[in-house]
Amino acid sequence: MDCGDLKLAPTCRRLFLRNWRYPVLDGGTRGVSVNVTIFVRYEDSDSRGDDFAKVIDYNVMRDALLKAGSPRTPGFIDRVLAELMTAPIVLANVEVWDKHAGTGTTECRVRQIGAC
């Protein structure tokens, strides 16, 4: 499925993280950047009150990226998407771009079409 074809209603909150780079000391992922976009229904991301379990923020994306390991390893995007979908996320899109090679890979997952 092409996530670009989905039309999400304004009942969803969109969060994105752009040009994230894996933190390594040896420079092994230099030139590789990762973009993540997620959509969460507003009722699943209620930041009112003290219920931190319902707050979806940028840490969800960052933590999924860190848990998945290096973007150069096989299955990186699948691991990121699997981790993201453990949260109440309706749609998640992950792009990995190698600026030196001029190549990129994009994949998305949808929990439920029409959820937003």
PDB file of N, CA and C in Angstrom:
ATOM      1  N   MET A   1       0.844  -1.184   0.000  1.00  0.00           N
ATOM      2  CA  MET A   1       0.000   0.000   0.000  1.00  0.00           C
ATOM      3  C   MET A   1       0.885   1.241   0.000  1.00  0.00           C
ATOM      4  N   ASP A   2       0.504   2.198  -0.777  1.00  0.00           N
ATOM      5  CA  ASP A   2       1.204   3.478  -0.803  1.00  0.00           C
ATOM      6  C   ASP A   2       0.539   4.415   0.188  1.00  0.00           C
ATOM      7  N   CYS A   3       1.260   4.755   1.239  1.00  0.00           N
ATOM      8  CA  CYS A   3       0.686   5.619   2.275  1.00  0.00           C
ATOM      9  C   CYS A   3       0.394   7.012   1.750  1.00  0.00           C
ATOM     10  N   GLY A   4       1.041   7.411   0.694  1.00  0.00           N
ATOM     11  CA  GLY A   4       0.798   8.730   0.126  1.00  0.00           C
ATOM     12  C   GLY A   4      -0.599   8.862  -0.446  1.00  0.00           C
ATOM     13  N   ASP A   5      -1.255   7.722  -0.724  1.00  0.00           N
ATOM     14  CA  ASP A   5      -2.595   7.737  -1.276  1.00  0.00           C
ATOM     15  C   ASP A   5      -3.674   7.903  -0.206  1.00  0.00           C
ATOM     16  N   LEU A   6      -3.307   7.749   1.064  1.00  0.00           N
ATOM     17  CA  LEU A   6      -4.295   7.834   2.140  1.00  0.00           C
ATOM     18  C   LEU A   6      -4.598   9.287   2.469  1.00  0.00           C
ATOM     19  N   LYS A   7      -5.853   9.560   2.681  1.00  0.00           N
ATOM     20  CA  LYS A   7      -6.286  10.895   3.088  1.00  0.00           C
ATOM     21  C   LYS A   7      -6.732  10.804   4.543  1.00  0.00           C
ATOM     22  N   LEU A   8      -5.948  11.366   5.446  1.00  0.00           N
ATOM     23  CA  LEU A   8      -6.283  11.307   6.855  1.00  0.00           C
ATOM     24  C   LEU A   8      -7.056  12.559   7.245  1.00  0.00           C
ATOM     25  N   ALA A   9      -8.161  12.353   7.898  1.00  0.00           N
ATOM     26  CA  ALA A   9      -9.030  13.459   8.311  1.00  0.00           C
ATOM     27  C   ALA A   9      -8.344  14.286   9.392  1.00  0.00           C
ATOM     28  N   PRO A  10      -8.851  15.479   9.645  1.00  0.00           N
ATOM     29  CA  PRO A  10      -8.241  16.338  10.663  1.00  0.00           C
ATOM     30  C   PRO A  10      -8.458  15.839  12.093  1.00  0.00           C
ATOM     31  N   THR A  11      -8.928  14.611  12.255  1.00  0.00           N
ATOM     32  CA  THR A  11      -9.077  14.046  13.596  1.00  0.00           C
ATOM     33  C   THR A  11      -7.788  13.366  14.056  1.00  0.00           C
ATOM     34  N   CYS A  12      -6.759  13.457  13.235  1.00  0.00           N
ATOM     35  CA  CYS A  12      -5.470  12.860  13.577  1.00  0.00           C
ATOM     36  C   CYS A  12      -4.415  13.937  13.777  1.00  0.00           C
ATOM     37  N   ARG A  13      -3.534  13.647  14.680  1.00  0.00           N
ATOM     38  CA  ARG A  13      -2.382  14.508  14.933  1.00  0.00           C
ATOM     39  C   ARG A  13      -1.192  13.932  14.176  1.00  0.00           C
ATOM     40  N   ARG A  14      -0.470  14.785  13.467  1.00  0.00           N
ATOM     41  CA  ARG A  14       0.697  14.367  12.695  1.00  0.00           C
ATOM     42  C   ARG A  14       1.955  14.822  13.423  1.00  0.00           C
ATOM     43  N   LEU A  15       2.866  13.879  13.621  1.00  0.00           N
ATOM     44  CA  LEU A  15       4.176  14.181  14.199  1.00  0.00           C
ATOM     45  C   LEU A  15       5.230  13.698  13.218  1.00  0.00           C
ATOM     46  N   PHE A  16       6.305  14.441  13.111  1.00  0.00           N
ATOM     47  CA  PHE A  16       7.369  13.987  12.218  1.00  0.00           C
ATOM     48  C   PHE A  16       8.734  14.332  12.786  1.00  0.00           C
ATOM     49  N   LEU A  17       9.687  13.530  12.407  1.00  0.00           N
ATOM     50  CA  LEU A  17      11.078  13.701  12.804  1.00  0.00           C
ATOM     51  C   LEU A  17      11.892  13.657  11.511  1.00  0.00           C
ATOM     52  N   ARG A  18      12.640  14.704  11.234  1.00  0.00           N
ATOM     53  CA  ARG A  18      13.363  14.810   9.967  1.00  0.00           C
ATOM     54  C   ARG A  18      14.880  14.795  10.165  1.00  0.00           C
ATOM     55  N   ASN A  19      15.542  14.139   9.223  1.00  0.00           N
ATOM     56  CA  ASN A  19      17.015  14.102   9.149  1.00  0.00           C
ATOM     57  C   ASN A  19      17.669  13.600  10.432  1.00  0.00           C
ATOM     58  N   TRP A  20      17.059  12.568  11.031  1.00  0.00           N
ATOM     59  CA  TRP A  20      17.642  11.949  12.221  1.00  0.00           C
ATOM     60  C   TRP A  20      18.847  11.115  11.800  1.00  0.00           C
ATOM     61  N   ARG A  21      19.889  11.177  12.569  1.00  0.00           N
ATOM     62  CA  ARG A  21      21.107  10.399  12.289  1.00  0.00           C
ATOM     63  C   ARG A  21      21.418   9.522  13.482  1.00  0.00           C
ATOM     64  N   TYR A  22      21.763   8.280  13.190  1.00  0.00           N
ATOM     65  CA  TYR A  22      22.093   7.317  14.226  1.00  0.00           C
ATOM     66  C   TYR A  22      23.360   7.766  14.962  1.00  0.00           C
ATOM     67  N   PRO A  23      23.314   7.824  16.298  1.00  0.00           N
ATOM     68  CA  PRO A  23      24.472   8.321  17.053  1.00  0.00           C
ATOM     69  C   PRO A  23      25.582   7.274  17.180  1.00  0.00           C
ATOM     70  N   VAL A  24      26.608   7.391  16.334  1.00  0.00           N
ATOM     71  CA  VAL A  24      27.761   6.481  16.392  1.00  0.00           C
ATOM     72  C   VAL A  24      29.036   7.299  16.462  1.00  0.00           C
ATOM     73  N   LEU A  25      30.037   6.713  17.073  1.00  0.00           N
ATOM     74  CA  LEU A  25      31.320   7.404  17.194  1.00  0.00           C
ATOM     75  C   LEU A  25      32.244   7.130  16.022  1.00  0.00           C
ATOM     76  N   ASP A  26      32.059   5.981  15.360  1.00  0.00           N
ATOM     77  CA  ASP A  26      32.976   5.619  14.276  1.00  0.00           C
ATOM     78  C   ASP A  26      32.609   6.209  12.926  1.00  0.00           C
ATOM     79  N   GLY A  27      31.516   6.950  12.844  1.00  0.00           N
ATOM     80  CA  GLY A  27      31.115   7.575  11.579  1.00  0.00           C
ATOM     81  C   GLY A  27      30.535   6.599  10.585  1.00  0.00           C
ATOM     82  N   GLY A  28      30.142   5.392  11.034  1.00  0.00           N
ATOM     83  CA  GLY A  28      29.660   4.347  10.144  1.00  0.00           C
ATOM     84  C   GLY A  28      28.385   4.675   9.403  1.00  0.00           C
ATOM     85  N   THR A  29      27.582   5.592   9.891  1.00  0.00           N
ATOM     86  CA  THR A  29      26.330   5.925   9.204  1.00  0.00           C
ATOM     87  C   THR A  29      26.350   7.347   8.671  1.00  0.00           C
ATOM     88  N   ARG A  30      27.519   7.882   8.481  1.00  0.00           N
ATOM     89  CA  ARG A  30      27.622   9.231   7.933  1.00  0.00           C
ATOM     90  C   ARG A  30      26.955   9.278   6.561  1.00  0.00           C
ATOM     91  N   GLY A  31      26.158  10.291   6.353  1.00  0.00           N
ATOM     92  CA  GLY A  31      25.474  10.450   5.071  1.00  0.00           C
ATOM     93  C   GLY A  31      24.118   9.785   5.021  1.00  0.00           C
ATOM     94  N   VAL A  32      23.752   9.037   6.069  1.00  0.00           N
ATOM     95  CA  VAL A  32      22.452   8.378   6.114  1.00  0.00           C
ATOM     96  C   VAL A  32      21.551   9.161   7.054  1.00  0.00           C
ATOM     97  N   SER A  33      20.383   9.533   6.568  1.00  0.00           N
ATOM     98  CA  SER A  33      19.417  10.220   7.427  1.00  0.00           C
ATOM     99  C   SER A  33      18.087   9.482   7.361  1.00  0.00           C
ATOM    100  N   VAL A  34      17.331   9.610   8.444  1.00  0.00           N
ATOM    101  CA  VAL A  34      16.056   8.906   8.560  1.00  0.00           C
ATOM    102  C   VAL A  34      14.961   9.935   8.822  1.00  0.00           C
ATOM    103  N   ASN A  35      13.848   9.784   8.119  1.00  0.00           N
ATOM    104  CA  ASN A  35      12.664  10.615   8.324  1.00  0.00           C
ATOM    105  C   ASN A  35      11.532   9.712   8.785  1.00  0.00           C
ATOM    106  N   VAL A  36      10.811  10.148   9.807  1.00  0.00           N
ATOM    107  CA  VAL A  36       9.683   9.382  10.334  1.00  0.00           C
ATOM    108  C   VAL A  36       8.478  10.304  10.422  1.00  0.00           C
ATOM    109  N   THR A  37       7.332   9.792   9.987  1.00  0.00           N
ATOM    110  CA  THR A  37       6.066  10.505  10.125  1.00  0.00           C
ATOM    111  C   THR A  37       5.066   9.538  10.741  1.00  0.00           C
ATOM    112  N   ILE A  38       4.346  10.004  11.766  1.00  0.00           N
ATOM    113  CA  ILE A  38       3.307   9.184  12.365  1.00  0.00           C
ATOM    114  C   ILE A  38       2.012   9.993  12.464  1.00  0.00           C
ATOM    115  N   PHE A  39       0.897   9.282  12.436  1.00  0.00           N
ATOM    116  CA  PHE A  39      -0.420   9.878  12.642  1.00  0.00           C
ATOM    117  C   PHE A  39      -1.082   9.159  13.800  1.00  0.00           C
ATOM    118  N   VAL A  40      -1.598   9.943  14.732  1.00  0.00           N
ATOM    119  CA  VAL A  40      -2.246   9.419  15.929  1.00  0.00           C
ATOM    120  C   VAL A  40      -3.599  10.102  16.071  1.00  0.00           C
ATOM    121  N   ARG A  41      -4.626   9.327  16.376  1.00  0.00           N
ATOM    122  CA  ARG A  41      -5.933   9.941  16.623  1.00  0.00           C
ATOM    123  C   ARG A  41      -5.831  10.825  17.855  1.00  0.00           C
ATOM    124  N   TYR A  42      -6.500  11.954  17.838  1.00  0.00           N
ATOM    125  CA  TYR A  42      -6.445  12.883  18.964  1.00  0.00           C
ATOM    126  C   TYR A  42      -6.875  12.217  20.267  1.00  0.00           C
ATOM    127  N   GLU A  43      -7.886  11.375  20.210  1.00  0.00           N
ATOM    128  CA  GLU A  43      -8.334  10.742  21.453  1.00  0.00           C
ATOM    129  C   GLU A  43      -7.316   9.745  22.005  1.00  0.00           C
ATOM    130  N   ASP A  44      -6.378   9.292  21.180  1.00  0.00           N
ATOM    131  CA  ASP A  44      -5.310   8.403  21.647  1.00  0.00           C
ATOM    132  C   ASP A  44      -4.065   9.172  22.055  1.00  0.00           C
ATOM    133  N   SER A  45      -4.108  10.473  21.933  1.00  0.00           N
ATOM    134  CA  SER A  45      -2.947  11.307  22.250  1.00  0.00           C
ATOM    135  C   SER A  45      -3.376  12.509  23.073  1.00  0.00           C
ATOM    136  N   ASP A  46      -4.109  12.232  24.088  1.00  0.00           N
ATOM    137  CA  ASP A  46      -4.634  13.283  24.954  1.00  0.00           C
ATOM    138  C   ASP A  46      -3.567  13.707  25.950  1.00  0.00           C
ATOM    139  N   SER A  47      -3.105  14.916  25.848  1.00  0.00           N
ATOM    140  CA  SER A  47      -2.046  15.390  26.747  1.00  0.00           C
ATOM    141  C   SER A  47      -2.614  16.140  27.952  1.00  0.00           C
ATOM    142  N   ARG A  48      -3.916  16.129  28.090  1.00  0.00           N
ATOM    143  CA  ARG A  48      -4.523  16.785  29.251  1.00  0.00           C
ATOM    144  C   ARG A  48      -4.418  15.881  30.472  1.00  0.00           C
ATOM    145  N   GLY A  49      -4.330  16.488  31.626  1.00  0.00           N
ATOM    146  CA  GLY A  49      -4.256  15.717  32.859  1.00  0.00           C
ATOM    147  C   GLY A  49      -2.870  15.141  33.082  1.00  0.00           C
ATOM    148  N   ASP A  50      -2.816  14.132  33.926  1.00  0.00           N
ATOM    149  CA  ASP A  50      -1.529  13.551  34.304  1.00  0.00           C
ATOM    150  C   ASP A  50      -1.329  12.144  33.778  1.00  0.00           C
ATOM    151  N   ASP A  51      -2.087  11.737  32.788  1.00  0.00           N
ATOM    152  CA  ASP A  51      -1.970  10.385  32.268  1.00  0.00           C
ATOM    153  C   ASP A  51      -0.888  10.332  31.189  1.00  0.00           C
ATOM    154  N   PHE A  52       0.359  10.166  31.641  1.00  0.00           N
ATOM    155  CA  PHE A  52       1.488  10.164  30.705  1.00  0.00           C
ATOM    156  C   PHE A  52       1.442   8.975  29.746  1.00  0.00           C
ATOM    157  N   ALA A  53       0.738   7.939  30.120  1.00  0.00           N
ATOM    158  CA  ALA A  53       0.643   6.770  29.248  1.00  0.00           C
ATOM    159  C   ALA A  53      -0.080   7.105  27.945  1.00  0.00           C
ATOM    160  N   LYS A  54      -0.897   8.154  27.940  1.00  0.00           N
ATOM    161  CA  LYS A  54      -1.640   8.523  26.740  1.00  0.00           C
ATOM    162  C   LYS A  54      -0.928   9.566  25.881  1.00  0.00           C
ATOM    163  N   VAL A  55       0.200  10.055  26.339  1.00  0.00           N
ATOM    164  CA  VAL A  55       0.903  11.089  25.593  1.00  0.00           C
ATOM    165  C   VAL A  55       1.798  10.436  24.532  1.00  0.00           C
ATOM    166  N   ILE A  56       1.550  10.784  23.287  1.00  0.00           N
ATOM    167  CA  ILE A  56       2.402  10.330  22.186  1.00  0.00           C
ATOM    168  C   ILE A  56       3.226  11.543  21.777  1.00  0.00           C
ATOM    169  N   ASP A  57       4.547  11.418  21.814  1.00  0.00           N
ATOM    170  CA  ASP A  57       5.400  12.546  21.460  1.00  0.00           C
ATOM    171  C   ASP A  57       6.591  12.056  20.636  1.00  0.00           C
ATOM    172  N   TYR A  58       7.540  12.917  20.467  1.00  0.00           N
ATOM    173  CA  TYR A  58       8.692  12.609  19.625  1.00  0.00           C
ATOM    174  C   TYR A  58       9.558  11.496  20.194  1.00  0.00           C
ATOM    175  N   ASN A  59       9.480  11.275  21.491  1.00  0.00           N
ATOM    176  CA  ASN A  59      10.258  10.193  22.091  1.00  0.00           C
ATOM    177  C   ASN A  59       9.860   8.829  21.549  1.00  0.00           C
ATOM    178  N   VAL A  60       8.598   8.657  21.160  1.00  0.00           N
ATOM    179  CA  VAL A  60       8.150   7.395  20.590  1.00  0.00           C
ATOM    180  C   VAL A  60       8.949   7.089  19.324  1.00  0.00           C
ATOM    181  N   MET A  61       9.127   8.100  18.481  1.00  0.00           N
ATOM    182  CA  MET A  61       9.877   7.906  17.240  1.00  0.00           C
ATOM    183  C   MET A  61      11.364   7.704  17.520  1.00  0.00           C
ATOM    184  N   ARG A  62      11.923   8.552  18.352  1.00  0.00           N
ATOM    185  CA  ARG A  62      13.351   8.465  18.672  1.00  0.00           C
ATOM    186  C   ARG A  62      13.687   7.121  19.317  1.00  0.00           C
ATOM    187  N   ASP A  63      12.865   6.693  20.266  1.00  0.00           N
ATOM    188  CA  ASP A  63      13.118   5.421  20.942  1.00  0.00           C
ATOM    189  C   ASP A  63      13.026   4.242  19.979  1.00  0.00           C
ATOM    190  N   ALA A  64      12.064   4.280  19.052  1.00  0.00           N
ATOM    191  CA  ALA A  64      11.928   3.206  18.059  1.00  0.00           C
ATOM    192  C   ALA A  64      13.157   3.154  17.157  1.00  0.00           C
ATOM    193  N   LEU A  65      13.668   4.323  16.771  1.00  0.00           N
ATOM    194  CA  LEU A  65      14.870   4.369  15.930  1.00  0.00           C
ATOM    195  C   LEU A  65      16.081   3.820  16.663  1.00  0.00           C
ATOM    196  N   LEU A  66      16.259   4.221  17.899  1.00  0.00           N
ATOM    197  CA  LEU A  66      17.406   3.744  18.675  1.00  0.00           C
ATOM    198  C   LEU A  66      17.323   2.242  18.922  1.00  0.00           C
ATOM    199  N   LYS A  67      16.144   1.737  19.208  1.00  0.00           N
ATOM    200  CA  LYS A  67      15.960   0.312  19.462  1.00  0.00           C
ATOM    201  C   LYS A  67      16.231  -0.520  18.214  1.00  0.00           C
ATOM    202  N   ALA A  68      15.944   0.038  17.041  1.00  0.00           N
ATOM    203  CA  ALA A  68      16.116  -0.694  15.780  1.00  0.00           C
ATOM    204  C   ALA A  68      17.574  -0.850  15.373  1.00  0.00           C
ATOM    205  N   GLY A  69      18.465  -0.041  15.946  1.00  0.00           N
ATOM    206  CA  GLY A  69      19.887  -0.150  15.600  1.00  0.00           C
ATOM    207  C   GLY A  69      20.258   0.721  14.417  1.00  0.00           C
ATOM    208  N   SER A  70      21.342   0.360  13.772  1.00  0.00           N
ATOM    209  CA  SER A  70      21.881   1.161  12.675  1.00  0.00           C
ATOM    210  C   SER A  70      20.978   1.118  11.440  1.00  0.00           C
ATOM    211  N   PRO A  71      20.785   2.255  10.797  1.00  0.00           N
ATOM    212  CA  PRO A  71      19.976   2.287   9.567  1.00  0.00           C
ATOM    213  C   PRO A  71      20.590   1.487   8.418  1.00  0.00           C
ATOM    214  N   ARG A  72      21.841   1.134   8.518  1.00  0.00           N
ATOM    215  CA  ARG A  72      22.497   0.368   7.449  1.00  0.00           C
ATOM    216  C   ARG A  72      22.295  -1.139   7.601  1.00  0.00           C
ATOM    217  N   THR A  73      21.684  -1.584   8.689  1.00  0.00           N
ATOM    218  CA  THR A  73      21.498  -3.020   8.890  1.00  0.00           C
ATOM    219  C   THR A  73      20.231  -3.505   8.205  1.00  0.00           C
ATOM    220  N   PRO A  74      20.248  -4.742   7.709  1.00  0.00           N
ATOM    221  CA  PRO A  74      19.049  -5.290   7.067  1.00  0.00           C
ATOM    222  C   PRO A  74      17.877  -5.334   8.051  1.00  0.00           C
ATOM    223  N   GLY A  75      16.703  -5.005   7.570  1.00  0.00           N
ATOM    224  CA  GLY A  75      15.503  -5.051   8.384  1.00  0.00           C
ATOM    225  C   GLY A  75      15.296  -3.846   9.287  1.00  0.00           C
ATOM    226  N   PHE A  76      16.107  -2.815   9.139  1.00  0.00           N
ATOM    227  CA  PHE A  76      16.003  -1.635   9.999  1.00  0.00           C
ATOM    228  C   PHE A  76      14.603  -1.019   9.949  1.00  0.00           C
ATOM    229  N   ILE A  77      14.095  -0.772   8.746  1.00  0.00           N
ATOM    230  CA  ILE A  77      12.787  -0.134   8.613  1.00  0.00           C
ATOM    231  C   ILE A  77      11.702  -1.015   9.220  1.00  0.00           C
ATOM    232  N   ASP A  78      11.755  -2.328   8.989  1.00  0.00           N
ATOM    233  CA  ASP A  78      10.760  -3.228   9.581  1.00  0.00           C
ATOM    234  C   ASP A  78      10.790  -3.171  11.102  1.00  0.00           C
ATOM    235  N   ARG A  79      11.979  -3.128  11.691  1.00  0.00           N
ATOM    236  CA  ARG A  79      12.092  -3.055  13.144  1.00  0.00           C
ATOM    237  C   ARG A  79      11.527  -1.744  13.681  1.00  0.00           C
ATOM    238  N   VAL A  80      11.813  -0.637  12.989  1.00  0.00           N
ATOM    239  CA  VAL A  80      11.277   0.661  13.417  1.00  0.00           C
ATOM    240  C   VAL A  80       9.752   0.654  13.344  1.00  0.00           C
ATOM    241  N   LEU A  81       9.206   0.206  12.219  1.00  0.00           N
ATOM    242  CA  LEU A  81       7.750   0.194  12.055  1.00  0.00           C
ATOM    243  C   LEU A  81       7.079  -0.727  13.073  1.00  0.00           C
ATOM    244  N   ALA A  82       7.661  -1.884  13.334  1.00  0.00           N
ATOM    245  CA  ALA A  82       7.085  -2.809  14.316  1.00  0.00           C
ATOM    246  C   ALA A  82       7.047  -2.166  15.695  1.00  0.00           C
ATOM    247  N   GLU A  83       8.106  -1.478  16.063  1.00  0.00           N
ATOM    248  CA  GLU A  83       8.156  -0.809  17.361  1.00  0.00           C
ATOM    249  C   GLU A  83       7.157   0.348  17.421  1.00  0.00           C
ATOM    250  N   LEU A  84       7.060   1.129  16.357  1.00  0.00           N
ATOM    251  CA  LEU A  84       6.111   2.240  16.335  1.00  0.00           C
ATOM    252  C   LEU A  84       4.674   1.752  16.473  1.00  0.00           C
ATOM    253  N   MET A  85       4.368   0.635  15.851  1.00  0.00           N
ATOM    254  CA  MET A  85       2.994   0.148  15.857  1.00  0.00           C
ATOM    255  C   MET A  85       2.596  -0.479  17.186  1.00  0.00           C
ATOM    256  N   THR A  86       3.509  -0.544  18.153  1.00  0.00           N
ATOM    257  CA  THR A  86       3.121  -0.981  19.497  1.00  0.00           C
ATOM    258  C   THR A  86       2.413   0.155  20.234  1.00  0.00           C
ATOM    259  N   ALA A  87       2.585   1.388  19.755  1.00  0.00           N
ATOM    260  CA  ALA A  87       1.877   2.553  20.297  1.00  0.00           C
ATOM    261  C   ALA A  87       0.564   2.706  19.520  1.00  0.00           C
ATOM    262  N   PRO A  88      -0.367   3.494  20.025  1.00  0.00           N
ATOM    263  CA  PRO A  88      -1.645   3.667  19.313  1.00  0.00           C
ATOM    264  C   PRO A  88      -1.514   4.590  18.098  1.00  0.00           C
ATOM    265  N   ILE A  89      -0.688   4.179  17.163  1.00  0.00           N
ATOM    266  CA  ILE A  89      -0.413   4.955  15.959  1.00  0.00           C
ATOM    267  C   ILE A  89      -1.252   4.385  14.818  1.00  0.00           C
ATOM    268  N   VAL A  90      -1.912   5.260  14.078  1.00  0.00           N
ATOM    269  CA  VAL A  90      -2.756   4.838  12.966  1.00  0.00           C
ATOM    270  C   VAL A  90      -1.911   4.559  11.726  1.00  0.00           C
ATOM    271  N   LEU A  91      -0.966   5.425  11.456  1.00  0.00           N
ATOM    272  CA  LEU A  91      -0.104   5.288  10.285  1.00  0.00           C
ATOM    273  C   LEU A  91       1.311   5.691  10.659  1.00  0.00           C
ATOM    274  N   ALA A  92       2.287   4.919  10.194  1.00  0.00           N
ATOM    275  CA  ALA A  92       3.692   5.254  10.404  1.00  0.00           C
ATOM    276  C   ALA A  92       4.421   5.112   9.074  1.00  0.00           C
ATOM    277  N   ASN A  93       5.265   6.079   8.767  1.00  0.00           N
ATOM    278  CA  ASN A  93       6.050   6.078   7.533  1.00  0.00           C
ATOM    279  C   ASN A  93       7.509   6.317   7.890  1.00  0.00           C
ATOM    280  N   VAL A  94       8.395   5.483   7.355  1.00  0.00           N
ATOM    281  CA  VAL A  94       9.834   5.607   7.624  1.00  0.00           C
ATOM    282  C   VAL A  94      10.575   5.672   6.295  1.00  0.00           C
ATOM    283  N   GLU A  95      11.452   6.668   6.176  1.00  0.00           N
ATOM    284  CA  GLU A  95      12.301   6.829   4.986  1.00  0.00           C
ATOM    285  C   GLU A  95      13.761   6.813   5.433  1.00  0.00           C
ATOM    286  N   VAL A  96      14.579   6.069   4.723  1.00  0.00           N
ATOM    287  CA  VAL A  96      16.018   6.058   4.978  1.00  0.00           C
ATOM    288  C   VAL A  96      16.704   6.523   3.701  1.00  0.00           C
ATOM    289  N   TRP A  97      17.514   7.575   3.836  1.00  0.00           N
ATOM    290  CA  TRP A  97      18.189   8.162   2.678  1.00  0.00           C
ATOM    291  C   TRP A  97      19.697   8.111   2.860  1.00  0.00           C
ATOM    292  N   ASP A  98      20.377   7.574   1.849  1.00  0.00           N
ATOM    293  CA  ASP A  98      21.841   7.583   1.819  1.00  0.00           C
ATOM    294  C   ASP A  98      22.233   8.695   0.853  1.00  0.00           C
ATOM    295  N   LYS A  99      22.656   9.810   1.403  1.00  0.00           N
ATOM    296  CA  LYS A  99      22.949  10.986   0.579  1.00  0.00           C
ATOM    297  C   LYS A  99      24.156  10.778  -0.324  1.00  0.00           C
ATOM    298  N   HIS A 100      25.120   9.964   0.128  1.00  0.00           N
ATOM    299  CA  HIS A 100      26.313   9.723  -0.701  1.00  0.00           C
ATOM    300  C   HIS A 100      25.995   8.853  -1.912  1.00  0.00           C
ATOM    301  N   ALA A 101      25.163   7.823  -1.702  1.00  0.00           N
ATOM    302  CA  ALA A 101      24.807   6.928  -2.802  1.00  0.00           C
ATOM    303  C   ALA A 101      23.655   7.483  -3.637  1.00  0.00           C
ATOM    304  N   GLY A 102      22.925   8.452  -3.074  1.00  0.00           N
ATOM    305  CA  GLY A 102      21.784   9.012  -3.793  1.00  0.00           C
ATOM    306  C   GLY A 102      20.598   8.064  -3.844  1.00  0.00           C
ATOM    307  N   THR A 103      20.478   7.177  -2.853  1.00  0.00           N
ATOM    308  CA  THR A 103      19.387   6.210  -2.831  1.00  0.00           C
ATOM    309  C   THR A 103      18.552   6.367  -1.564  1.00  0.00           C
ATOM    310  N   GLY A 104      17.317   5.910  -1.659  1.00  0.00           N
ATOM    311  CA  GLY A 104      16.439   5.967  -0.503  1.00  0.00           C
ATOM    312  C   GLY A 104      15.432   4.840  -0.524  1.00  0.00           C
ATOM    313  N   THR A 105      14.948   4.504   0.657  1.00  0.00           N
ATOM    314  CA  THR A 105      13.936   3.462   0.818  1.00  0.00           C
ATOM    315  C   THR A 105      12.837   4.009   1.716  1.00  0.00           C
ATOM    316  N   THR A 106      11.599   3.785   1.325  1.00  0.00           N
ATOM    317  CA  THR A 106      10.452   4.249   2.100  1.00  0.00           C
ATOM    318  C   THR A 106       9.488   3.096   2.302  1.00  0.00           C
ATOM    319  N   GLU A 107       8.948   3.011   3.513  1.00  0.00           N
ATOM    320  CA  GLU A 107       7.940   1.996   3.798  1.00  0.00           C
ATOM    321  C   GLU A 107       6.984   2.549   4.847  1.00  0.00           C
ATOM    322  N   CYS A 108       5.740   2.095   4.796  1.00  0.00           N
ATOM    323  CA  CYS A 108       4.759   2.550   5.782  1.00  0.00           C
ATOM    324  C   CYS A 108       3.927   1.386   6.277  1.00  0.00           C
ATOM    325  N   ARG A 109       3.281   1.626   7.405  1.00  0.00           N
ATOM    326  CA  ARG A 109       2.340   0.657   7.959  1.00  0.00           C
ATOM    327  C   ARG A 109       1.088   1.409   8.382  1.00  0.00           C
ATOM    328  N   VAL A 110      -0.040   0.786   8.149  1.00  0.00           N
ATOM    329  CA  VAL A 110      -1.323   1.348   8.517  1.00  0.00           C
ATOM    330  C   VAL A 110      -2.004   0.369   9.459  1.00  0.00           C
ATOM    331  N   ARG A 111      -2.427   0.876  10.606  1.00  0.00           N
ATOM    332  CA  ARG A 111      -3.124   0.009  11.564  1.00  0.00           C
ATOM    333  C   ARG A 111      -4.532  -0.303  11.090  1.00  0.00           C
ATOM    334  N   GLN A 112      -5.273   0.708  10.697  1.00  0.00           N
ATOM    335  CA  GLN A 112      -6.664   0.529  10.305  1.00  0.00           C
ATOM    336  C   GLN A 112      -7.050   1.654   9.358  1.00  0.00           C
ATOM    337  N   ILE A 113      -7.393   1.292   8.155  1.00  0.00           N
ATOM    338  CA  ILE A 113      -7.816   2.307   7.191  1.00  0.00           C
ATOM    339  C   ILE A 113      -9.141   2.901   7.677  1.00  0.00           C
ATOM    340  N   GLY A 114      -9.234   4.205   7.625  1.00  0.00           N
ATOM    341  CA  GLY A 114     -10.433   4.877   8.060  1.00  0.00           C
ATOM    342  C   GLY A 114     -10.460   5.140   9.560  1.00  0.00           C
ATOM    343  N   ALA A 115      -9.338   4.879  10.242  1.00  0.00           N
ATOM    344  CA  ALA A 115      -9.305   5.094  11.696  1.00  0.00           C
ATOM    345  C   ALA A 115      -9.300   6.575  12.027  1.00  0.00           C
ATOM    346  N   CYS A 116      -8.870   7.399  11.110  1.00  0.00           N
ATOM    347  CA  CYS A 116      -8.872   8.842  11.345  1.00  0.00           C
ATOM    348  C   CYS A 116      -9.994   9.475  10.553  1.00  0.00           C
TER     349      CYS A 116
END
